[in-house]
Amino acid sequence: MTNADKLKKLLEVEIIPDLEVAIDELFAAIDKAKSASTEQKEDLEEMRDMRTECFAIVEELGRDELEADEIDELLAELMDAKTEEE
């Protein structure tokens, strides 16, 4: 499996679903409180931006638009972030 395949799989199987769960949980907390704090609004915007970036990376991988060094760097960064999260 190439690093491009690993990156795509990591994004599609772990990162994007995790972001979507976090976004849903934040929406539930906001709904329960009937309003959103400034911090919640900022967190929501940040998570949505991250999800959009992840989808864009998946699309770029599908069009073979990323260089090998970019793929390696993104994969390493996401693996580090995932490890820190756990």
N, C-alpha and C. Protein backbone atom coordinates (compact mmCIF):
# COMPACT_ATOMS: atom_id res chain seq x y z
N MET A 1 0.85 -1.18 0.00
CA MET A 1 0.00 0.00 0.00
C MET A 1 0.90 1.24 0.00
N THR A 2 0.62 2.15 -0.91
CA THR A 2 1.42 3.37 -1.00
C THR A 2 1.01 4.34 0.11
N ASN A 3 1.87 5.34 0.33
CA ASN A 3 1.53 6.36 1.33
C ASN A 3 0.28 7.14 0.92
N ALA A 4 0.08 7.30 -0.38
CA ALA A 4 -1.13 7.98 -0.86
C ALA A 4 -2.37 7.17 -0.46
N ASP A 5 -2.29 5.85 -0.62
CA ASP A 5 -3.40 4.98 -0.22
C ASP A 5 -3.61 5.03 1.30
N LYS A 6 -2.52 5.01 2.03
CA LYS A 6 -2.60 5.08 3.50
C LYS A 6 -3.23 6.39 3.94
N LEU A 7 -2.82 7.50 3.32
CA LEU A 7 -3.36 8.81 3.66
C LEU A 7 -4.85 8.86 3.36
N LYS A 8 -5.24 8.40 2.19
CA LYS A 8 -6.65 8.40 1.81
C LYS A 8 -7.48 7.56 2.78
N LYS A 9 -6.97 6.39 3.10
CA LYS A 9 -7.69 5.50 4.02
C LYS A 9 -7.80 6.14 5.41
N LEU A 10 -6.71 6.72 5.90
CA LEU A 10 -6.72 7.37 7.20
C LEU A 10 -7.77 8.49 7.23
N LEU A 11 -7.81 9.29 6.18
CA LEU A 11 -8.77 10.39 6.11
C LEU A 11 -10.21 9.87 6.05
N GLU A 12 -10.46 8.91 5.18
CA GLU A 12 -11.82 8.43 4.95
C GLU A 12 -12.35 7.54 6.07
N VAL A 13 -11.48 6.78 6.71
CA VAL A 13 -11.93 5.80 7.70
C VAL A 13 -11.86 6.34 9.13
N GLU A 14 -10.89 7.22 9.39
CA GLU A 14 -10.72 7.68 10.77
C GLU A 14 -10.93 9.18 10.96
N ILE A 15 -10.17 9.98 10.26
CA ILE A 15 -10.16 11.43 10.52
C ILE A 15 -11.51 12.08 10.23
N ILE A 16 -12.04 11.90 9.02
CA ILE A 16 -13.31 12.55 8.66
C ILE A 16 -14.46 12.04 9.53
N PRO A 17 -14.60 10.73 9.73
CA PRO A 17 -15.68 10.28 10.63
C PRO A 17 -15.53 10.82 12.05
N ASP A 18 -14.31 10.88 12.57
CA ASP A 18 -14.09 11.44 13.91
C ASP A 18 -14.50 12.91 13.97
N LEU A 19 -14.17 13.66 12.93
CA LEU A 19 -14.56 15.07 12.88
C LEU A 19 -16.08 15.21 12.83
N GLU A 20 -16.73 14.35 12.06
CA GLU A 20 -18.18 14.43 11.94
C GLU A 20 -18.86 14.10 13.27
N VAL A 21 -18.32 13.13 14.01
CA VAL A 21 -18.86 12.80 15.33
C VAL A 21 -18.67 13.99 16.27
N ALA A 22 -17.49 14.59 16.26
CA ALA A 22 -17.22 15.74 17.13
C ALA A 22 -18.13 16.91 16.78
N ILE A 23 -18.36 17.14 15.51
CA ILE A 23 -19.27 18.22 15.08
C ILE A 23 -20.69 17.93 15.57
N ASP A 24 -21.14 16.69 15.40
CA ASP A 24 -22.48 16.31 15.86
C ASP A 24 -22.62 16.48 17.37
N GLU A 25 -21.59 16.08 18.11
CA GLU A 25 -21.62 16.22 19.58
C GLU A 25 -21.68 17.68 19.99
N LEU A 26 -20.94 18.52 19.29
CA LEU A 26 -20.94 19.95 19.60
C LEU A 26 -22.31 20.56 19.28
N PHE A 27 -22.90 20.16 18.15
CA PHE A 27 -24.24 20.63 17.82
C PHE A 27 -25.24 20.21 18.89
N ALA A 28 -25.13 18.99 19.39
CA ALA A 28 -26.03 18.50 20.44
C ALA A 28 -25.87 19.33 21.71
N ALA A 29 -24.63 19.63 22.08
CA ALA A 29 -24.39 20.44 23.27
C ALA A 29 -24.95 21.84 23.11
N ILE A 30 -24.79 22.41 21.92
CA ILE A 30 -25.32 23.75 21.64
C ILE A 30 -26.85 23.73 21.69
N ASP A 31 -27.43 22.69 21.10
CA ASP A 31 -28.89 22.56 21.08
C ASP A 31 -29.44 22.42 22.50
N LYS A 32 -28.76 21.64 23.31
CA LYS A 32 -29.19 21.43 24.70
C LYS A 32 -29.13 22.73 25.49
N ALA A 33 -28.09 23.51 25.26
CA ALA A 33 -27.93 24.79 25.97
C ALA A 33 -28.77 25.90 25.35
N LYS A 34 -29.34 25.65 24.18
CA LYS A 34 -30.16 26.62 23.43
C LYS A 34 -29.37 27.82 22.91
N SER A 35 -28.05 27.81 23.10
CA SER A 35 -27.20 28.86 22.53
C SER A 35 -25.77 28.36 22.51
N ALA A 36 -24.95 29.03 21.73
CA ALA A 36 -23.55 28.63 21.59
C ALA A 36 -22.65 29.69 22.18
N SER A 37 -21.67 29.24 22.95
CA SER A 37 -20.68 30.18 23.48
C SER A 37 -19.72 30.57 22.35
N THR A 38 -18.96 31.59 22.58
CA THR A 38 -17.96 32.02 21.59
C THR A 38 -16.98 30.89 21.32
N GLU A 39 -16.56 30.20 22.37
CA GLU A 39 -15.62 29.09 22.22
C GLU A 39 -16.23 27.96 21.39
N GLN A 40 -17.50 27.65 21.63
CA GLN A 40 -18.16 26.60 20.85
C GLN A 40 -18.26 26.99 19.38
N LYS A 41 -18.57 28.25 19.12
CA LYS A 41 -18.66 28.72 17.74
C LYS A 41 -17.30 28.61 17.04
N GLU A 42 -16.24 28.98 17.75
CA GLU A 42 -14.89 28.89 17.18
C GLU A 42 -14.50 27.44 16.95
N ASP A 43 -14.81 26.56 17.91
CA ASP A 43 -14.51 25.13 17.77
C ASP A 43 -15.25 24.54 16.57
N LEU A 44 -16.52 24.90 16.45
CA LEU A 44 -17.33 24.40 15.35
C LEU A 44 -16.76 24.84 14.00
N GLU A 45 -16.40 26.10 13.91
CA GLU A 45 -15.83 26.63 12.66
C GLU A 45 -14.51 25.92 12.34
N GLU A 46 -13.68 25.72 13.35
CA GLU A 46 -12.39 25.05 13.16
C GLU A 46 -12.59 23.61 12.68
N MET A 47 -13.51 22.89 13.30
CA MET A 47 -13.75 21.50 12.90
C MET A 47 -14.32 21.41 11.49
N ARG A 48 -15.21 22.33 11.16
CA ARG A 48 -15.76 22.34 9.80
C ARG A 48 -14.67 22.63 8.77
N ASP A 49 -13.79 23.57 9.09
CA ASP A 49 -12.68 23.89 8.19
C ASP A 49 -11.77 22.67 8.01
N MET A 50 -11.49 21.98 9.11
CA MET A 50 -10.64 20.79 9.04
C MET A 50 -11.29 19.71 8.17
N ARG A 51 -12.60 19.53 8.35
CA ARG A 51 -13.32 18.53 7.55
C ARG A 51 -13.26 18.90 6.07
N THR A 52 -13.45 20.18 5.76
CA THR A 52 -13.38 20.64 4.37
C THR A 52 -11.99 20.39 3.79
N GLU A 53 -10.96 20.68 4.57
CA GLU A 53 -9.58 20.44 4.12
C GLU A 53 -9.34 18.95 3.88
N CYS A 54 -9.87 18.11 4.74
CA CYS A 54 -9.70 16.66 4.58
C CYS A 54 -10.35 16.18 3.28
N PHE A 55 -11.58 16.65 3.02
CA PHE A 55 -12.26 16.28 1.78
C PHE A 55 -11.46 16.77 0.57
N ALA A 56 -10.89 17.96 0.66
CA ALA A 56 -10.09 18.50 -0.44
C ALA A 56 -8.85 17.65 -0.68
N ILE A 57 -8.22 17.18 0.38
CA ILE A 57 -7.04 16.32 0.24
C ILE A 57 -7.43 15.01 -0.44
N VAL A 58 -8.55 14.43 -0.04
CA VAL A 58 -9.02 13.18 -0.65
C VAL A 58 -9.25 13.40 -2.15
N GLU A 59 -9.86 14.53 -2.51
CA GLU A 59 -10.10 14.84 -3.92
C GLU A 59 -8.78 15.00 -4.67
N GLU A 60 -7.82 15.71 -4.06
CA GLU A 60 -6.52 15.90 -4.70
C GLU A 60 -5.80 14.56 -4.88
N LEU A 61 -5.93 13.68 -3.92
CA LEU A 61 -5.33 12.35 -4.05
C LEU A 61 -5.97 11.60 -5.22
N GLY A 62 -7.28 11.72 -5.34
CA GLY A 62 -8.00 11.05 -6.43
C GLY A 62 -7.59 11.56 -7.80
N ARG A 63 -7.21 12.83 -7.86
CA ARG A 63 -6.77 13.42 -9.14
C ARG A 63 -5.26 13.35 -9.29
N ASP A 64 -4.59 12.72 -8.34
CA ASP A 64 -3.13 12.56 -8.37
C ASP A 64 -2.42 13.91 -8.46
N GLU A 65 -2.88 14.88 -7.65
CA GLU A 65 -2.34 16.24 -7.70
C GLU A 65 -1.31 16.52 -6.61
N LEU A 66 -1.07 15.59 -5.71
CA LEU A 66 -0.12 15.82 -4.63
C LEU A 66 1.20 15.13 -4.91
N GLU A 67 2.28 15.82 -4.58
CA GLU A 67 3.61 15.27 -4.73
C GLU A 67 3.86 14.27 -3.60
N ALA A 68 4.77 13.34 -3.84
CA ALA A 68 5.08 12.31 -2.85
C ALA A 68 5.51 12.90 -1.51
N ASP A 69 6.32 13.97 -1.55
CA ASP A 69 6.77 14.56 -0.29
C ASP A 69 5.63 15.23 0.47
N GLU A 70 4.66 15.80 -0.26
CA GLU A 70 3.48 16.39 0.38
C GLU A 70 2.65 15.29 1.06
N ILE A 71 2.50 14.20 0.36
CA ILE A 71 1.73 13.07 0.90
C ILE A 71 2.40 12.54 2.16
N ASP A 72 3.72 12.35 2.10
CA ASP A 72 4.46 11.84 3.26
C ASP A 72 4.31 12.78 4.45
N GLU A 73 4.41 14.08 4.20
CA GLU A 73 4.32 15.07 5.26
C GLU A 73 2.91 15.08 5.88
N LEU A 74 1.88 15.08 5.04
CA LEU A 74 0.51 15.06 5.54
C LEU A 74 0.22 13.79 6.34
N LEU A 75 0.68 12.67 5.83
CA LEU A 75 0.47 11.40 6.52
C LEU A 75 1.14 11.42 7.89
N ALA A 76 2.38 11.89 7.95
CA ALA A 76 3.11 11.96 9.22
C ALA A 76 2.39 12.89 10.20
N GLU A 77 1.96 14.05 9.73
CA GLU A 77 1.27 15.01 10.59
C GLU A 77 -0.03 14.43 11.15
N LEU A 78 -0.80 13.79 10.28
CA LEU A 78 -2.08 13.23 10.72
C LEU A 78 -1.89 12.04 11.66
N MET A 79 -0.86 11.24 11.39
CA MET A 79 -0.58 10.10 12.28
C MET A 79 -0.17 10.62 13.66
N ASP A 80 0.66 11.65 13.68
CA ASP A 80 1.09 12.25 14.95
C ASP A 80 -0.13 12.82 15.71
N ALA A 81 -0.97 13.53 14.99
CA ALA A 81 -2.16 14.11 15.62
C ALA A 81 -3.09 13.02 16.15
N LYS A 82 -3.24 11.97 15.38
CA LYS A 82 -4.10 10.85 15.80
C LYS A 82 -3.53 10.17 17.03
N THR A 83 -2.21 10.00 17.08
CA THR A 83 -1.55 9.37 18.22
C THR A 83 -1.69 10.23 19.47
N GLU A 84 -1.53 11.54 19.33
CA GLU A 84 -1.67 12.46 20.45
C GLU A 84 -3.10 12.46 21.00
N GLU A 85 -4.06 12.29 20.11
CA GLU A 85 -5.47 12.30 20.47
C GLU A 85 -5.81 11.10 21.35
N GLU A 86 -5.21 9.98 21.07
CA GLU A 86 -5.53 8.74 21.80
C GLU A 86 -4.81 8.67 23.07
